[in-house]
C-alpha atoms as a PDB file:
ATOM      1  CA  MET A   1      62.194  24.014 -61.233  1.00  0.00           C
ATOM      2  CA  GLN A   2      64.324  26.461 -63.241  1.00  0.00           C
ATOM      3  CA  ALA A   3      61.699  26.610 -65.975  1.00  0.00           C
ATOM      4  CA  TYR A   4      59.048  27.415 -63.360  1.00  0.00           C
ATOM      5  CA  LEU A   5      61.211  30.222 -61.942  1.00  0.00           C
ATOM      6  CA  ALA A   6      61.728  31.615 -65.437  1.00  0.00           C
ATOM      7  CA  VAL A   7      57.956  31.703 -66.004  1.00  0.00           C
ATOM      8  CA  LEU A   8      57.429  33.425 -62.652  1.00  0.00           C
ATOM      9  CA  LYS A   9      59.912  36.154 -63.565  1.00  0.00           C
ATOM     10  CA  SER A  10      58.397  36.672 -67.024  1.00  0.00           C
ATOM     11  CA  ASP A  11      55.175  38.429 -67.965  1.00  0.00           C
ATOM     12  CA  ALA A  12      53.588  35.124 -69.029  1.00  0.00           C
ATOM     13  CA  PRO A  13      50.859  33.623 -66.855  1.00  0.00           C
ATOM     14  CA  ALA A  14      52.087  30.883 -64.533  1.00  0.00           C
ATOM     15  CA  ARG A  15      50.028  27.839 -63.645  1.00  0.00           C
ATOM     16  CA  VAL A  16      50.353  27.003 -59.953  1.00  0.00           C
ATOM     17  CA  ASP A  17      50.563  23.325 -59.062  1.00  0.00           C
ATOM     18  CA  PHE A  18      50.065  22.995 -55.318  1.00  0.00           C
ATOM     19  CA  ARG A  19      51.215  19.366 -55.325  1.00  0.00           C
ATOM     20  CA  SER A  20      54.754  20.241 -56.363  1.00  0.00           C
ATOM     21  CA  ILE A  21      57.419  22.248 -54.578  1.00  0.00           C
ATOM     22  CA  GLY A  22      56.473  25.895 -54.550  1.00  0.00           C
ATOM     23  CA  VAL A  23      58.494  29.061 -54.454  1.00  0.00           C
ATOM     24  CA  VAL A  24      58.298  31.140 -51.304  1.00  0.00           C
ATOM     25  CA  SER A  25      59.647  34.614 -51.798  1.00  0.00           C
ATOM     26  CA  PHE A  26      57.818  36.844 -49.330  1.00  0.00           C
ATOM     27  CA  PRO A  27      59.123  37.665 -46.815  1.00  0.00           C
ATOM     28  CA  SER A  28      62.797  36.982 -47.381  1.00  0.00           C
ATOM     29  CA  PHE A  29      63.910  34.682 -44.605  1.00  0.00           C
ATOM     30  CA  HIS A  30      67.500  35.251 -45.776  1.00  0.00           C
ATOM     31  CA  VAL A  31      67.016  38.812 -44.555  1.00  0.00           C
ATOM     32  CA  VAL A  32      65.246  37.700 -41.380  1.00  0.00           C
ATOM     33  CA  LEU A  33      67.992  35.295 -40.357  1.00  0.00           C
ATOM     34  CA  ALA A  34      70.808  37.677 -41.321  1.00  0.00           C
ATOM     35  CA  LEU A  35      69.370  40.589 -39.346  1.00  0.00           C
ATOM     36  CA  LEU A  36      68.416  38.530 -36.296  1.00  0.00           C
ATOM     37  CA  SER A  37      71.918  37.043 -36.274  1.00  0.00           C
ATOM     38  CA  ALA A  38      73.459  40.511 -36.456  1.00  0.00           C
ATOM     39  CA  ILE A  39      71.254  41.685 -33.594  1.00  0.00           C
ATOM     40  CA  VAL A  40      72.345  38.761 -31.419  1.00  0.00           C
ATOM     41  CA  LEU A  41      76.017  39.138 -32.349  1.00  0.00           C
ATOM     42  CA  TRP A  42      76.005  42.906 -31.725  1.00  0.00           C
ATOM     43  CA  ARG A  43      76.843  42.281 -28.053  1.00  0.00           C
ATOM     44  CA  VAL A  44      80.070  40.479 -29.012  1.00  0.00           C
ATOM     45  CA  ARG A  45      82.404  43.463 -29.442  1.00  0.00           C
ATOM     46  CA  PRO A  46      85.186  41.848 -31.524  1.00  0.00           C
ATOM     47  CA  ILE A  47      82.793  40.766 -34.287  1.00  0.00           C
ATOM     48  CA  ARG A  48      80.114  43.452 -33.959  1.00  0.00           C
ATOM     49  CA  TYR A  49      80.862  45.350 -37.153  1.00  0.00           C
ATOM     50  CA  ALA A  50      81.763  42.268 -39.174  1.00  0.00           C
ATOM     51  CA  ALA A  51      78.405  40.705 -38.294  1.00  0.00           C
ATOM     52  CA  ALA A  52      76.562  43.901 -39.241  1.00  0.00           C
ATOM     53  CA  ALA A  53      78.463  44.181 -42.531  1.00  0.00           C
ATOM     54  CA  LEU A  54      77.767  40.536 -43.363  1.00  0.00           C
ATOM     55  CA  ALA A  55      74.056  40.977 -42.610  1.00  0.00           C
ATOM     56  CA  ILE A  56      73.871  44.061 -44.816  1.00  0.00           C
ATOM     57  CA  GLY A  57      75.734  42.178 -47.541  1.00  0.00           C
ATOM     58  CA  ILE A  58      73.299  39.273 -47.356  1.00  0.00           C
ATOM     59  CA  CYS A  59      70.335  41.643 -47.541  1.00  0.00           C
ATOM     60  CA  ALA A  60      71.806  43.440 -50.544  1.00  0.00           C
ATOM     61  CA  SER A  61      72.840  40.248 -52.318  1.00  0.00           C
ATOM     62  CA  THR A  62      69.344  38.762 -52.179  1.00  0.00           C
ATOM     63  CA  LEU A  63      68.213  41.745 -54.231  1.00  0.00           C
ATOM     64  CA  THR A  64      71.166  42.033 -56.602  1.00  0.00           C
ATOM     65  CA  THR A  65      71.253  38.314 -57.429  1.00  0.00           C
ATOM     66  CA  GLY A  66      67.577  38.350 -58.339  1.00  0.00           C
ATOM     67  CA  TRP A  67      66.415  35.866 -55.710  1.00  0.00           C
ATOM     68  CA  HIS A  68      64.174  38.417 -54.015  1.00  0.00           C
ATOM     69  CA  TYR A  69      62.431  41.659 -54.824  1.00  0.00           C
ATOM     70  CA  LEU A  70      62.619  44.832 -52.754  1.00  0.00           C
ATOM     71  CA  ILE A  71      59.213  44.106 -51.225  1.00  0.00           C
ATOM     72  CA  ASP A  72      60.504  40.701 -50.023  1.00  0.00           C
ATOM     73  CA  ILE A  73      63.379  42.422 -48.243  1.00  0.00           C
ATOM     74  CA  ALA A  74      61.024  45.002 -46.736  1.00  0.00           C
ATOM     75  CA  GLY A  75      58.821  42.146 -45.533  1.00  0.00           C
ATOM     76  CA  GLY A  76      61.842  40.473 -43.940  1.00  0.00           C
ATOM     77  CA  VAL A  77      62.778  43.694 -42.173  1.00  0.00           C
ATOM     78  CA  ALA A  78      59.177  44.017 -40.952  1.00  0.00           C
ATOM     79  CA  VAL A  79      59.274  40.467 -39.550  1.00  0.00           C
ATOM     80  CA  VAL A  80      62.504  41.299 -37.703  1.00  0.00           C
ATOM     81  CA  LEU A  81      61.080  44.528 -36.274  1.00  0.00           C
ATOM     82  CA  ILE A  82      57.921  42.775 -35.096  1.00  0.00           C
ATOM     83  CA  ALA A  83      59.842  39.824 -33.627  1.00  0.00           C
ATOM     84  CA  TYR A  84      62.322  42.115 -31.889  1.00  0.00           C
ATOM     85  CA  GLY A  85      59.520  44.292 -30.536  1.00  0.00           C
ATOM     86  CA  ILE A  86      57.629  41.300 -29.158  1.00  0.00           C
ATOM     87  CA  ALA A  87      60.781  39.820 -27.626  1.00  0.00           C
ATOM     88  CA  ALA A  88      61.716  43.142 -26.013  1.00  0.00           C
ATOM     89  CA  TRP A  89      58.193  43.513 -24.623  1.00  0.00           C
ATOM     90  CA  ILE A  90      58.281  39.990 -23.167  1.00  0.00           C
ATOM     91  CA  MET A  91      61.713  40.592 -21.623  1.00  0.00           C
ATOM     92  CA  ARG A  92      60.555  43.851 -19.991  1.00  0.00           C
ATOM     93  CA  ARG A  93      57.315  42.366 -18.774  1.00  0.00           C
ATOM     94  CA  PHE A  94      58.777  39.260 -17.141  1.00  0.00           C
ATOM     95  CA  GLN A  95      61.991  40.606 -15.616  1.00  0.00           C
END
């Protein structure tokens, strides 16, 4: 698996084998889960800022450790915005 990741990060062409375990990078579900958790925990006053700081740290670390690219993080943020928008619309509509 590490050799496959090294090829993906290099300029060399990579042969995709759909029968083996693949690499999913877009969108970053690390970002999705971190941000959705921070949104939910925002209502809990004692841990509000700690949860936000942890979520921001997770988002930043996925980029700085090389596990995701900036576009993966942007995709994760887009998923969160869409999910939050849909949830807010449903809550307003059915209250």
